[in-house]
N, C-alpha and C. Protein backbone atom coordinates (compact mmCIF):
# COMPACT_ATOMS: atom_id res chain seq x y z
N MET A 1 0.84 -1.19 0.00
CA MET A 1 0.00 0.00 0.00
C MET A 1 0.88 1.24 0.00
N ALA A 2 0.70 2.08 -1.01
CA ALA A 2 1.50 3.29 -1.12
C ALA A 2 1.01 4.33 -0.13
N LEU A 3 1.78 4.58 0.90
CA LEU A 3 1.35 5.50 1.94
C LEU A 3 1.75 6.93 1.57
N LYS A 4 1.20 7.39 0.50
CA LYS A 4 1.38 8.77 0.07
C LYS A 4 0.03 9.28 -0.41
N ILE A 5 -0.50 10.23 0.29
CA ILE A 5 -1.83 10.72 -0.01
C ILE A 5 -1.74 11.77 -1.11
N GLU A 6 -2.44 11.50 -2.22
CA GLU A 6 -2.37 12.37 -3.39
C GLU A 6 -3.72 12.94 -3.79
N GLN A 7 -4.80 12.40 -3.22
CA GLN A 7 -6.13 12.87 -3.56
C GLN A 7 -6.97 13.00 -2.29
N PRO A 8 -8.02 13.80 -2.31
CA PRO A 8 -8.84 13.99 -1.11
C PRO A 8 -9.78 12.83 -0.81
N ASN A 9 -9.93 11.91 -1.77
CA ASN A 9 -10.81 10.76 -1.60
C ASN A 9 -10.00 9.49 -1.82
N ILE A 10 -10.08 8.57 -0.89
CA ILE A 10 -9.26 7.35 -0.95
C ILE A 10 -10.16 6.12 -0.98
N LEU A 11 -9.83 5.20 -1.88
CA LEU A 11 -10.52 3.94 -1.98
C LEU A 11 -9.52 2.82 -1.70
N VAL A 12 -9.71 2.13 -0.59
CA VAL A 12 -8.82 1.03 -0.20
C VAL A 12 -9.39 -0.27 -0.76
N VAL A 13 -8.57 -1.00 -1.53
CA VAL A 13 -9.00 -2.26 -2.14
C VAL A 13 -8.00 -3.35 -1.78
N GLU A 14 -8.36 -4.60 -2.08
CA GLU A 14 -7.55 -5.73 -1.62
C GLU A 14 -6.23 -5.88 -2.37
N GLY A 15 -6.26 -5.81 -3.70
CA GLY A 15 -5.03 -6.10 -4.43
C GLY A 15 -4.99 -5.48 -5.80
N LYS A 16 -4.07 -5.97 -6.63
CA LYS A 16 -3.80 -5.38 -7.94
C LYS A 16 -5.00 -5.50 -8.88
N GLU A 17 -5.67 -6.67 -8.87
CA GLU A 17 -6.81 -6.83 -9.76
C GLU A 17 -7.91 -5.84 -9.44
N GLU A 18 -8.18 -5.67 -8.15
CA GLU A 18 -9.19 -4.70 -7.73
C GLU A 18 -8.76 -3.28 -8.08
N ASP A 19 -7.47 -3.00 -7.96
CA ASP A 19 -6.92 -1.70 -8.31
C ASP A 19 -7.23 -1.37 -9.78
N LEU A 20 -6.91 -2.31 -10.67
CA LEU A 20 -7.14 -2.10 -12.09
C LEU A 20 -8.63 -2.02 -12.42
N PHE A 21 -9.41 -2.88 -11.76
CA PHE A 21 -10.85 -2.90 -11.98
C PHE A 21 -11.49 -1.56 -11.62
N PHE A 22 -11.20 -1.07 -10.42
CA PHE A 22 -11.82 0.17 -9.98
C PHE A 22 -11.26 1.38 -10.73
N GLU A 23 -10.01 1.32 -11.11
CA GLU A 23 -9.45 2.40 -11.91
C GLU A 23 -10.23 2.53 -13.22
N ALA A 24 -10.52 1.39 -13.86
CA ALA A 24 -11.25 1.42 -15.13
C ALA A 24 -12.68 1.91 -14.93
N LEU A 25 -13.34 1.46 -13.87
CA LEU A 25 -14.72 1.87 -13.64
C LEU A 25 -14.80 3.35 -13.27
N ILE A 26 -13.88 3.82 -12.45
CA ILE A 26 -13.84 5.25 -12.10
C ILE A 26 -13.62 6.09 -13.35
N LYS A 27 -12.77 5.63 -14.25
CA LYS A 27 -12.54 6.36 -15.51
C LYS A 27 -13.81 6.36 -16.35
N HIS A 28 -14.50 5.22 -16.40
CA HIS A 28 -15.74 5.13 -17.17
C HIS A 28 -16.78 6.10 -16.63
N LEU A 29 -16.85 6.24 -15.30
CA LEU A 29 -17.83 7.12 -14.67
C LEU A 29 -17.40 8.59 -14.70
N LYS A 30 -16.18 8.82 -15.18
CA LYS A 30 -15.63 10.18 -15.27
C LYS A 30 -15.56 10.86 -13.90
N LEU A 31 -15.18 10.09 -12.90
CA LEU A 31 -15.03 10.63 -11.55
C LEU A 31 -13.60 11.14 -11.36
N GLN A 32 -13.46 12.16 -10.55
CA GLN A 32 -12.16 12.78 -10.32
C GLN A 32 -11.78 12.71 -8.84
N ASP A 33 -10.51 12.92 -8.58
CA ASP A 33 -10.00 13.11 -7.21
C ASP A 33 -10.16 11.88 -6.32
N ILE A 34 -10.06 10.69 -6.91
CA ILE A 34 -10.12 9.45 -6.13
C ILE A 34 -8.79 8.72 -6.27
N GLN A 35 -8.19 8.40 -5.17
CA GLN A 35 -6.93 7.65 -5.15
C GLN A 35 -7.21 6.23 -4.68
N ILE A 36 -6.79 5.26 -5.48
CA ILE A 36 -6.99 3.85 -5.13
C ILE A 36 -5.74 3.33 -4.43
N MET A 37 -5.93 2.68 -3.30
CA MET A 37 -4.81 2.12 -2.54
C MET A 37 -5.00 0.61 -2.36
N PRO A 38 -4.30 -0.22 -3.15
CA PRO A 38 -4.34 -1.67 -2.93
C PRO A 38 -3.48 -2.05 -1.73
N ILE A 39 -3.99 -2.91 -0.87
CA ILE A 39 -3.28 -3.22 0.38
C ILE A 39 -2.56 -4.57 0.35
N GLY A 40 -2.72 -5.33 -0.75
CA GLY A 40 -2.01 -6.59 -0.84
C GLY A 40 -2.62 -7.72 -0.05
N GLY A 41 -3.95 -7.67 0.15
CA GLY A 41 -4.63 -8.75 0.85
C GLY A 41 -5.40 -8.26 2.06
N LYS A 42 -6.57 -8.86 2.27
CA LYS A 42 -7.46 -8.41 3.35
C LYS A 42 -6.84 -8.53 4.73
N GLU A 43 -5.91 -9.48 4.88
CA GLU A 43 -5.29 -9.68 6.19
C GLU A 43 -4.39 -8.51 6.58
N LYS A 44 -4.08 -7.64 5.62
CA LYS A 44 -3.22 -6.49 5.90
C LYS A 44 -4.01 -5.21 6.15
N LEU A 45 -5.33 -5.31 6.14
CA LEU A 45 -6.16 -4.11 6.24
C LEU A 45 -5.95 -3.37 7.55
N ARG A 46 -5.97 -4.08 8.66
CA ARG A 46 -5.87 -3.41 9.96
C ARG A 46 -4.58 -2.60 10.08
N GLY A 47 -3.46 -3.23 9.77
CA GLY A 47 -2.18 -2.54 9.90
C GLY A 47 -2.04 -1.37 8.94
N ASN A 48 -2.56 -1.53 7.72
CA ASN A 48 -2.45 -0.46 6.74
C ASN A 48 -3.36 0.71 7.05
N LEU A 49 -4.51 0.46 7.62
CA LEU A 49 -5.38 1.57 8.02
C LEU A 49 -4.74 2.38 9.14
N LYS A 50 -4.12 1.68 10.08
CA LYS A 50 -3.42 2.39 11.17
C LYS A 50 -2.30 3.26 10.60
N ALA A 51 -1.57 2.70 9.64
CA ALA A 51 -0.48 3.46 9.04
C ALA A 51 -1.01 4.63 8.21
N LEU A 52 -2.13 4.42 7.53
CA LEU A 52 -2.72 5.48 6.71
C LEU A 52 -3.10 6.69 7.56
N VAL A 53 -3.68 6.43 8.71
CA VAL A 53 -4.11 7.51 9.60
C VAL A 53 -2.93 8.38 10.03
N GLN A 54 -1.75 7.77 10.11
CA GLN A 54 -0.56 8.48 10.54
C GLN A 54 0.20 9.13 9.38
N THR A 55 -0.28 8.94 8.17
CA THR A 55 0.40 9.47 6.99
C THR A 55 0.17 10.97 6.86
N PRO A 56 1.22 11.73 6.57
CA PRO A 56 1.05 13.17 6.37
C PRO A 56 -0.01 13.46 5.32
N GLY A 57 -0.89 14.37 5.63
CA GLY A 57 -1.96 14.74 4.71
C GLY A 57 -3.27 14.04 4.96
N PHE A 58 -3.27 13.06 5.88
CA PHE A 58 -4.53 12.32 6.11
C PHE A 58 -5.62 13.23 6.68
N SER A 59 -5.23 14.25 7.40
CA SER A 59 -6.22 15.15 7.99
C SER A 59 -7.03 15.89 6.92
N GLU A 60 -6.52 15.88 5.68
CA GLU A 60 -7.22 16.55 4.59
C GLU A 60 -8.10 15.59 3.78
N VAL A 61 -8.10 14.31 4.13
CA VAL A 61 -8.91 13.34 3.41
C VAL A 61 -10.39 13.57 3.70
N ILE A 62 -11.18 13.63 2.64
CA ILE A 62 -12.61 13.91 2.76
C ILE A 62 -13.42 12.62 2.86
N PHE A 63 -13.05 11.63 2.06
CA PHE A 63 -13.81 10.38 2.01
C PHE A 63 -12.85 9.19 2.00
N LEU A 64 -13.18 8.18 2.78
CA LEU A 64 -12.41 6.93 2.80
C LEU A 64 -13.38 5.77 2.56
N GLY A 65 -13.18 5.10 1.44
CA GLY A 65 -13.99 3.92 1.15
C GLY A 65 -13.14 2.67 1.25
N VAL A 66 -13.71 1.62 1.83
CA VAL A 66 -13.00 0.34 1.97
C VAL A 66 -13.80 -0.73 1.25
N VAL A 67 -13.15 -1.45 0.33
CA VAL A 67 -13.79 -2.50 -0.45
C VAL A 67 -13.21 -3.84 -0.06
N ARG A 68 -14.11 -4.82 0.19
CA ARG A 68 -13.65 -6.16 0.56
C ARG A 68 -14.56 -7.22 0.00
N ASP A 69 -14.00 -8.35 -0.38
CA ASP A 69 -14.81 -9.49 -0.81
C ASP A 69 -15.56 -10.06 0.39
N ALA A 70 -16.77 -10.54 0.14
CA ALA A 70 -17.55 -11.20 1.19
C ALA A 70 -16.97 -12.58 1.50
N ASP A 71 -16.38 -13.22 0.50
CA ASP A 71 -15.92 -14.60 0.62
C ASP A 71 -17.11 -15.47 1.03
N THR A 72 -16.97 -16.29 2.06
CA THR A 72 -18.06 -17.20 2.41
C THR A 72 -19.09 -16.57 3.35
N ASN A 73 -18.78 -15.39 3.91
CA ASN A 73 -19.67 -14.81 4.91
C ASN A 73 -19.65 -13.29 4.82
N PRO A 74 -20.65 -12.69 4.16
CA PRO A 74 -20.65 -11.23 3.99
C PRO A 74 -20.72 -10.47 5.30
N ASN A 75 -21.44 -10.99 6.28
CA ASN A 75 -21.53 -10.30 7.57
C ASN A 75 -20.18 -10.31 8.28
N HIS A 76 -19.50 -11.45 8.24
CA HIS A 76 -18.18 -11.53 8.87
C HIS A 76 -17.19 -10.59 8.18
N ALA A 77 -17.27 -10.52 6.85
CA ALA A 77 -16.37 -9.62 6.12
C ALA A 77 -16.61 -8.17 6.52
N PHE A 78 -17.89 -7.79 6.62
CA PHE A 78 -18.23 -6.42 7.02
C PHE A 78 -17.73 -6.12 8.43
N GLN A 79 -17.95 -7.05 9.36
CA GLN A 79 -17.51 -6.83 10.73
C GLN A 79 -15.99 -6.76 10.82
N SER A 80 -15.30 -7.52 9.97
CA SER A 80 -13.84 -7.48 9.96
C SER A 80 -13.34 -6.09 9.55
N VAL A 81 -13.99 -5.49 8.55
CA VAL A 81 -13.61 -4.14 8.14
C VAL A 81 -13.93 -3.14 9.25
N ARG A 82 -15.08 -3.29 9.87
CA ARG A 82 -15.45 -2.39 10.97
C ARG A 82 -14.41 -2.46 12.10
N ASP A 83 -13.99 -3.67 12.43
CA ASP A 83 -13.00 -3.84 13.50
C ASP A 83 -11.69 -3.14 13.13
N ALA A 84 -11.29 -3.25 11.85
CA ALA A 84 -10.05 -2.61 11.40
C ALA A 84 -10.17 -1.10 11.45
N LEU A 85 -11.32 -0.57 11.07
CA LEU A 85 -11.55 0.87 11.14
C LEU A 85 -11.52 1.36 12.58
N ARG A 86 -12.18 0.62 13.44
CA ARG A 86 -12.22 1.00 14.86
C ARG A 86 -10.82 0.99 15.47
N ALA A 87 -10.03 -0.02 15.11
CA ALA A 87 -8.67 -0.13 15.64
C ALA A 87 -7.80 1.05 15.19
N ALA A 88 -8.15 1.64 14.05
CA ALA A 88 -7.40 2.78 13.54
C ALA A 88 -7.98 4.10 14.03
N GLY A 89 -9.02 4.04 14.84
CA GLY A 89 -9.63 5.25 15.37
C GLY A 89 -10.50 5.97 14.36
N LEU A 90 -11.01 5.25 13.38
CA LEU A 90 -11.84 5.84 12.32
C LEU A 90 -13.32 5.57 12.56
N PRO A 91 -14.20 6.36 11.97
CA PRO A 91 -15.64 6.10 12.08
C PRO A 91 -15.98 4.70 11.58
N THR A 92 -16.97 4.07 12.20
CA THR A 92 -17.33 2.70 11.83
C THR A 92 -18.80 2.64 11.42
N PRO A 93 -19.06 2.45 10.15
CA PRO A 93 -20.45 2.37 9.67
C PRO A 93 -21.21 1.22 10.30
N GLU A 94 -22.50 1.43 10.50
CA GLU A 94 -23.37 0.38 11.03
C GLU A 94 -23.81 -0.58 9.94
N ARG A 95 -23.83 -0.10 8.70
CA ARG A 95 -24.26 -0.91 7.56
C ARG A 95 -23.36 -0.63 6.36
N PRO A 96 -23.22 -1.62 5.47
CA PRO A 96 -22.47 -1.37 4.25
C PRO A 96 -23.13 -0.26 3.43
N LEU A 97 -22.31 0.43 2.65
CA LEU A 97 -22.74 1.43 1.66
C LEU A 97 -23.10 2.79 2.26
N GLN A 98 -23.34 2.87 3.57
CA GLN A 98 -23.79 4.12 4.16
C GLN A 98 -22.64 4.83 4.87
N PRO A 99 -22.22 6.00 4.36
CA PRO A 99 -21.10 6.73 4.96
C PRO A 99 -21.45 7.27 6.34
N VAL A 100 -20.44 7.30 7.20
CA VAL A 100 -20.58 7.91 8.52
C VAL A 100 -19.37 8.79 8.78
N GLY A 101 -19.53 9.71 9.74
CA GLY A 101 -18.40 10.55 10.14
C GLY A 101 -18.23 11.76 9.25
N GLU A 102 -17.28 12.58 9.62
CA GLU A 102 -16.94 13.79 8.88
C GLU A 102 -15.42 13.91 8.78
N LYS A 103 -14.94 14.07 7.60
CA LYS A 103 -13.51 14.30 7.31
C LYS A 103 -12.60 13.36 8.11
N PRO A 104 -12.55 12.10 7.75
CA PRO A 104 -13.21 11.62 6.55
C PRO A 104 -14.59 11.01 6.82
N ARG A 105 -15.45 11.10 5.81
CA ARG A 105 -16.61 10.22 5.79
C ARG A 105 -16.07 8.83 5.43
N VAL A 106 -16.65 7.83 6.04
CA VAL A 106 -16.15 6.46 5.84
C VAL A 106 -17.31 5.56 5.41
N ALA A 107 -17.07 4.74 4.39
CA ALA A 107 -18.08 3.79 3.94
C ALA A 107 -17.41 2.48 3.54
N ILE A 108 -18.20 1.41 3.60
CA ILE A 108 -17.70 0.07 3.31
C ILE A 108 -18.51 -0.55 2.18
N LEU A 109 -17.83 -1.14 1.22
CA LEU A 109 -18.47 -1.86 0.13
C LEU A 109 -18.05 -3.32 0.20
N ILE A 110 -19.04 -4.22 0.32
CA ILE A 110 -18.77 -5.65 0.34
C ILE A 110 -19.20 -6.25 -0.99
N LEU A 111 -18.29 -6.99 -1.62
CA LEU A 111 -18.57 -7.60 -2.93
C LEU A 111 -18.78 -9.11 -2.81
N PRO A 112 -19.69 -9.68 -3.60
CA PRO A 112 -20.41 -9.08 -4.72
C PRO A 112 -21.67 -8.31 -4.32
N GLY A 113 -22.08 -8.39 -3.05
CA GLY A 113 -23.25 -7.64 -2.60
C GLY A 113 -23.36 -7.69 -1.09
N VAL A 114 -24.22 -6.86 -0.54
CA VAL A 114 -24.33 -6.71 0.91
C VAL A 114 -24.61 -8.04 1.60
N ASP A 115 -25.52 -8.82 1.07
CA ASP A 115 -25.94 -10.06 1.73
C ASP A 115 -25.59 -11.30 0.92
N THR A 116 -24.55 -11.20 0.10
CA THR A 116 -24.23 -12.28 -0.81
C THR A 116 -22.79 -12.74 -0.63
N ALA A 117 -22.61 -14.05 -0.43
CA ALA A 117 -21.26 -14.60 -0.37
C ALA A 117 -20.62 -14.55 -1.76
N GLY A 118 -19.30 -14.46 -1.79
CA GLY A 118 -18.61 -14.46 -3.06
C GLY A 118 -17.52 -13.41 -3.13
N THR A 119 -17.13 -13.08 -4.35
CA THR A 119 -15.98 -12.21 -4.59
C THR A 119 -16.27 -11.27 -5.77
N LEU A 120 -15.28 -10.46 -6.09
CA LEU A 120 -15.39 -9.60 -7.26
C LEU A 120 -15.60 -10.43 -8.52
N GLU A 121 -15.00 -11.60 -8.59
CA GLU A 121 -15.18 -12.47 -9.75
C GLU A 121 -16.66 -12.84 -9.92
N ASP A 122 -17.33 -13.13 -8.82
CA ASP A 122 -18.75 -13.47 -8.90
C ASP A 122 -19.57 -12.30 -9.44
N LEU A 123 -19.20 -11.09 -9.02
CA LEU A 123 -19.90 -9.91 -9.50
C LEU A 123 -19.71 -9.74 -11.01
N CYS A 124 -18.49 -9.94 -11.47
CA CYS A 124 -18.22 -9.81 -12.90
C CYS A 124 -18.96 -10.88 -13.71
N LEU A 125 -19.04 -12.09 -13.17
CA LEU A 125 -19.78 -13.15 -13.86
C LEU A 125 -21.26 -12.82 -13.94
N ARG A 126 -21.78 -12.22 -12.89
CA ARG A 126 -23.18 -11.80 -12.90
C ARG A 126 -23.41 -10.76 -14.00
N ALA A 127 -22.43 -9.88 -14.20
CA ALA A 127 -22.56 -8.83 -15.20
C ALA A 127 -22.59 -9.37 -16.62
N VAL A 128 -21.96 -10.52 -16.85
CA VAL A 128 -21.91 -11.09 -18.21
C VAL A 128 -22.78 -12.34 -18.33
N ALA A 129 -23.72 -12.49 -17.41
CA ALA A 129 -24.54 -13.70 -17.38
C ALA A 129 -25.29 -13.93 -18.69
N GLN A 130 -25.67 -12.84 -19.38
CA GLN A 130 -26.42 -12.97 -20.63
C GLN A 130 -25.52 -13.01 -21.87
N ASP A 131 -24.22 -12.93 -21.67
CA ASP A 131 -23.31 -13.00 -22.81
C ASP A 131 -23.35 -14.42 -23.40
N PRO A 132 -23.45 -14.55 -24.72
CA PRO A 132 -23.53 -15.88 -25.34
C PRO A 132 -22.38 -16.80 -24.95
N ALA A 133 -21.23 -16.23 -24.65
CA ALA A 133 -20.07 -17.06 -24.30
C ALA A 133 -20.29 -17.83 -23.00
N MET A 134 -21.19 -17.33 -22.13
CA MET A 134 -21.37 -17.99 -20.84
C MET A 134 -22.01 -19.37 -20.98
N VAL A 135 -22.76 -19.60 -22.05
CA VAL A 135 -23.28 -20.95 -22.30
C VAL A 135 -22.12 -21.91 -22.51
N CYS A 136 -21.13 -21.45 -23.26
CA CYS A 136 -19.95 -22.27 -23.52
C CYS A 136 -19.13 -22.47 -22.24
N VAL A 137 -19.04 -21.43 -21.43
CA VAL A 137 -18.30 -21.53 -20.17
C VAL A 137 -18.92 -22.61 -19.29
N GLU A 138 -20.24 -22.57 -19.12
CA GLU A 138 -20.91 -23.56 -18.28
C GLU A 138 -20.76 -24.96 -18.85
N ASN A 139 -20.87 -25.09 -20.17
CA ASN A 139 -20.72 -26.41 -20.80
C ASN A 139 -19.31 -26.95 -20.63
N TYR A 140 -18.33 -26.07 -20.62
CA TYR A 140 -16.94 -26.50 -20.43
C TYR A 140 -16.77 -27.19 -19.08
N PHE A 141 -17.32 -26.57 -18.04
CA PHE A 141 -17.16 -27.16 -16.71
C PHE A 141 -18.02 -28.41 -16.53
N LYS A 142 -19.17 -28.45 -17.21
CA LYS A 142 -19.98 -29.67 -17.18
C LYS A 142 -19.22 -30.81 -17.85
N CYS A 143 -18.52 -30.50 -18.93
CA CYS A 143 -17.73 -31.51 -19.63
C CYS A 143 -16.62 -32.05 -18.74
N LEU A 144 -15.93 -31.14 -18.03
CA LEU A 144 -14.88 -31.59 -17.13
C LEU A 144 -15.44 -32.54 -16.06
N GLU A 145 -16.60 -32.17 -15.54
CA GLU A 145 -17.21 -33.00 -14.50
C GLU A 145 -17.61 -34.36 -15.05
N GLN A 146 -18.18 -34.38 -16.24
CA GLN A 146 -18.59 -35.64 -16.85
C GLN A 146 -17.40 -36.54 -17.14
N MET A 147 -16.26 -35.92 -17.42
CA MET A 147 -15.05 -36.69 -17.70
C MET A 147 -14.32 -37.10 -16.43
N GLY A 148 -14.86 -36.70 -15.30
CA GLY A 148 -14.25 -37.06 -14.02
C GLY A 148 -12.96 -36.32 -13.75
N LEU A 149 -12.81 -35.14 -14.35
CA LEU A 149 -11.59 -34.37 -14.18
C LEU A 149 -11.73 -33.38 -13.03
N PHE A 150 -10.60 -32.86 -12.58
CA PHE A 150 -10.56 -31.98 -11.42
C PHE A 150 -11.32 -30.68 -11.68
N LEU A 151 -12.12 -30.26 -10.71
CA LEU A 151 -12.79 -28.97 -10.76
C LEU A 151 -12.37 -28.14 -9.55
N PRO A 152 -12.03 -26.88 -9.77
CA PRO A 152 -11.56 -26.04 -8.65
C PRO A 152 -12.73 -25.48 -7.85
N TYR A 153 -13.42 -26.36 -7.12
CA TYR A 153 -14.66 -25.95 -6.44
C TYR A 153 -14.44 -24.76 -5.50
N ASN A 154 -13.28 -24.68 -4.87
CA ASN A 154 -13.03 -23.58 -3.94
C ASN A 154 -12.68 -22.27 -4.65
N MET A 155 -12.46 -22.34 -5.96
CA MET A 155 -12.13 -21.14 -6.74
C MET A 155 -12.87 -21.16 -8.08
N MET A 156 -14.10 -21.66 -8.07
CA MET A 156 -14.83 -21.84 -9.31
C MET A 156 -15.08 -20.52 -10.04
N SER A 157 -15.40 -19.47 -9.29
CA SER A 157 -15.68 -18.19 -9.95
C SER A 157 -14.44 -17.65 -10.64
N LYS A 158 -13.26 -17.82 -10.03
CA LYS A 158 -12.03 -17.38 -10.67
C LYS A 158 -11.78 -18.17 -11.95
N ALA A 159 -12.04 -19.47 -11.90
CA ALA A 159 -11.84 -20.32 -13.07
C ALA A 159 -12.80 -19.93 -14.19
N LYS A 160 -14.05 -19.66 -13.84
CA LYS A 160 -15.04 -19.27 -14.85
C LYS A 160 -14.68 -17.94 -15.50
N VAL A 161 -14.16 -17.00 -14.69
CA VAL A 161 -13.73 -15.72 -15.25
C VAL A 161 -12.62 -15.95 -16.28
N GLN A 162 -11.67 -16.83 -15.95
CA GLN A 162 -10.57 -17.09 -16.87
C GLN A 162 -11.07 -17.68 -18.19
N VAL A 163 -12.02 -18.62 -18.08
CA VAL A 163 -12.56 -19.24 -19.29
C VAL A 163 -13.36 -18.22 -20.10
N PHE A 164 -14.16 -17.41 -19.41
CA PHE A 164 -14.92 -16.38 -20.12
C PHE A 164 -13.99 -15.42 -20.86
N LEU A 165 -12.94 -14.98 -20.19
CA LEU A 165 -12.03 -14.02 -20.81
C LEU A 165 -11.26 -14.63 -21.98
N ALA A 166 -11.17 -15.95 -22.01
CA ALA A 166 -10.54 -16.61 -23.16
C ALA A 166 -11.39 -16.45 -24.42
N SER A 167 -12.65 -16.04 -24.25
CA SER A 167 -13.54 -15.85 -25.40
C SER A 167 -13.45 -14.44 -25.99
N ARG A 168 -12.70 -13.57 -25.35
CA ARG A 168 -12.61 -12.18 -25.83
C ARG A 168 -11.55 -12.06 -26.93
N ARG A 169 -11.56 -10.91 -27.57
CA ARG A 169 -10.66 -10.69 -28.71
C ARG A 169 -9.19 -10.88 -28.32
N LYS A 170 -8.82 -10.38 -27.13
CA LYS A 170 -7.47 -10.56 -26.64
C LYS A 170 -7.52 -11.49 -25.44
N ALA A 171 -7.17 -12.73 -25.65
CA ALA A 171 -7.25 -13.74 -24.58
C ALA A 171 -6.07 -13.61 -23.64
N GLY A 172 -6.21 -14.21 -22.46
CA GLY A 172 -5.11 -14.29 -21.52
C GLY A 172 -5.06 -13.16 -20.52
N LEU A 173 -6.03 -12.25 -20.55
CA LEU A 173 -6.04 -11.14 -19.60
C LEU A 173 -6.58 -11.60 -18.25
N ARG A 174 -6.10 -10.96 -17.19
CA ARG A 174 -6.65 -11.18 -15.87
C ARG A 174 -7.85 -10.25 -15.68
N LEU A 175 -8.56 -10.43 -14.58
CA LEU A 175 -9.80 -9.68 -14.36
C LEU A 175 -9.58 -8.18 -14.45
N GLY A 176 -8.58 -7.67 -13.77
CA GLY A 176 -8.32 -6.23 -13.78
C GLY A 176 -7.89 -5.73 -15.14
N GLU A 177 -7.08 -6.53 -15.83
CA GLU A 177 -6.65 -6.15 -17.18
C GLU A 177 -7.84 -6.14 -18.13
N ALA A 178 -8.77 -7.08 -17.92
CA ALA A 178 -9.97 -7.12 -18.74
C ALA A 178 -10.82 -5.87 -18.52
N ALA A 179 -10.85 -5.38 -17.30
CA ALA A 179 -11.56 -4.13 -17.02
C ALA A 179 -10.94 -2.98 -17.78
N GLN A 180 -9.61 -2.94 -17.80
CA GLN A 180 -8.91 -1.89 -18.53
C GLN A 180 -9.19 -1.98 -20.04
N ALA A 181 -9.39 -3.21 -20.51
CA ALA A 181 -9.64 -3.42 -21.94
C ALA A 181 -11.11 -3.20 -22.32
N GLY A 182 -11.96 -2.93 -21.32
CA GLY A 182 -13.37 -2.67 -21.60
C GLY A 182 -14.22 -3.91 -21.77
N TYR A 183 -13.81 -5.03 -21.19
CA TYR A 183 -14.53 -6.28 -21.37
C TYR A 183 -15.67 -6.49 -20.38
N TRP A 184 -15.77 -5.68 -19.35
CA TRP A 184 -16.89 -5.80 -18.41
C TRP A 184 -17.92 -4.73 -18.73
N PRO A 185 -19.19 -5.10 -18.86
CA PRO A 185 -20.25 -4.15 -19.26
C PRO A 185 -20.67 -3.28 -18.08
N TRP A 186 -20.06 -2.12 -17.96
CA TRP A 186 -20.21 -1.28 -16.77
C TRP A 186 -21.64 -0.85 -16.48
N GLU A 187 -22.47 -0.73 -17.50
CA GLU A 187 -23.81 -0.18 -17.28
C GLU A 187 -24.86 -1.23 -16.96
N THR A 188 -24.46 -2.47 -16.77
CA THR A 188 -25.42 -3.51 -16.42
C THR A 188 -25.88 -3.33 -14.98
N GLU A 189 -27.04 -3.94 -14.68
CA GLU A 189 -27.60 -3.85 -13.34
C GLU A 189 -26.67 -4.44 -12.29
N ALA A 190 -25.89 -5.43 -12.67
CA ALA A 190 -24.98 -6.09 -11.72
C ALA A 190 -24.02 -5.11 -11.06
N PHE A 191 -23.61 -4.10 -11.80
CA PHE A 191 -22.64 -3.13 -11.27
C PHE A 191 -23.30 -1.89 -10.66
N GLU A 192 -24.62 -1.87 -10.58
CA GLU A 192 -25.31 -0.66 -10.10
C GLU A 192 -24.87 -0.26 -8.70
N GLN A 193 -24.79 -1.22 -7.80
CA GLN A 193 -24.40 -0.91 -6.42
C GLN A 193 -22.99 -0.33 -6.35
N VAL A 194 -22.10 -0.89 -7.14
CA VAL A 194 -20.72 -0.40 -7.16
C VAL A 194 -20.66 1.00 -7.76
N ARG A 195 -21.40 1.21 -8.84
CA ARG A 195 -21.44 2.54 -9.45
C ARG A 195 -21.94 3.58 -8.45
N ASN A 196 -23.03 3.25 -7.76
CA ASN A 196 -23.60 4.19 -6.78
C ASN A 196 -22.62 4.48 -5.65
N PHE A 197 -21.91 3.45 -5.22
CA PHE A 197 -20.93 3.63 -4.15
C PHE A 197 -19.84 4.60 -4.57
N LEU A 198 -19.33 4.42 -5.76
CA LEU A 198 -18.26 5.29 -6.25
C LEU A 198 -18.75 6.71 -6.48
N GLN A 199 -19.96 6.85 -6.98
CA GLN A 199 -20.47 8.18 -7.27
C GLN A 199 -20.72 9.01 -6.01
N GLN A 200 -21.02 8.34 -4.90
CA GLN A 200 -21.24 9.09 -3.67
C GLN A 200 -19.93 9.60 -3.05
N ILE A 201 -18.81 9.05 -3.50
CA ILE A 201 -17.53 9.45 -2.95
C ILE A 201 -17.25 10.93 -3.23
N THR A 202 -17.54 11.36 -4.43
CA THR A 202 -17.24 12.73 -4.79
C THR A 202 -18.47 13.63 -4.83
N SER A 203 -19.60 13.12 -4.35
CA SER A 203 -20.82 13.92 -4.38
C SER A 203 -20.86 14.91 -3.21
């Protein structure tokens, strides 16, 4: 996490893929003055938030948003972020998406949704659910299962994203790179919550 404050609004995300993803979406929404800070994994959130608060210029931060995957338990993920914020002496929202406090206002975004287990990959798959390629993606994994071959059940959404992206004009991109290439349909309903979250940062 680059501990150098360059913008009045900060968005803390888990890693490089999220960094690239949100950078592309922020650009699509034509939002300004938002600095994305990838922390290199959710387990580093508490320590990095404490360090961020001590960084020169933090007193001028207007908005602090924290994004985290729900993984298997969205409520646990939300409470984990709240605990990290509290440990850093920052305002702690009672619910996801709703900012609290003043300078900075603080809000939490849990992906793929407030009450839904999963990750950013699941959100992206939801966004392309109607893409014709998804029929082929599902059939691919059904074929593997019928052949008795290994399926990455604990990382199925990541695997499906990789197979879906193999159907694009430039294959081999990772999720964040695909966002930069414009492969995720930003205006779909699946991304509405994320769009609204980002738009309130600079409102």
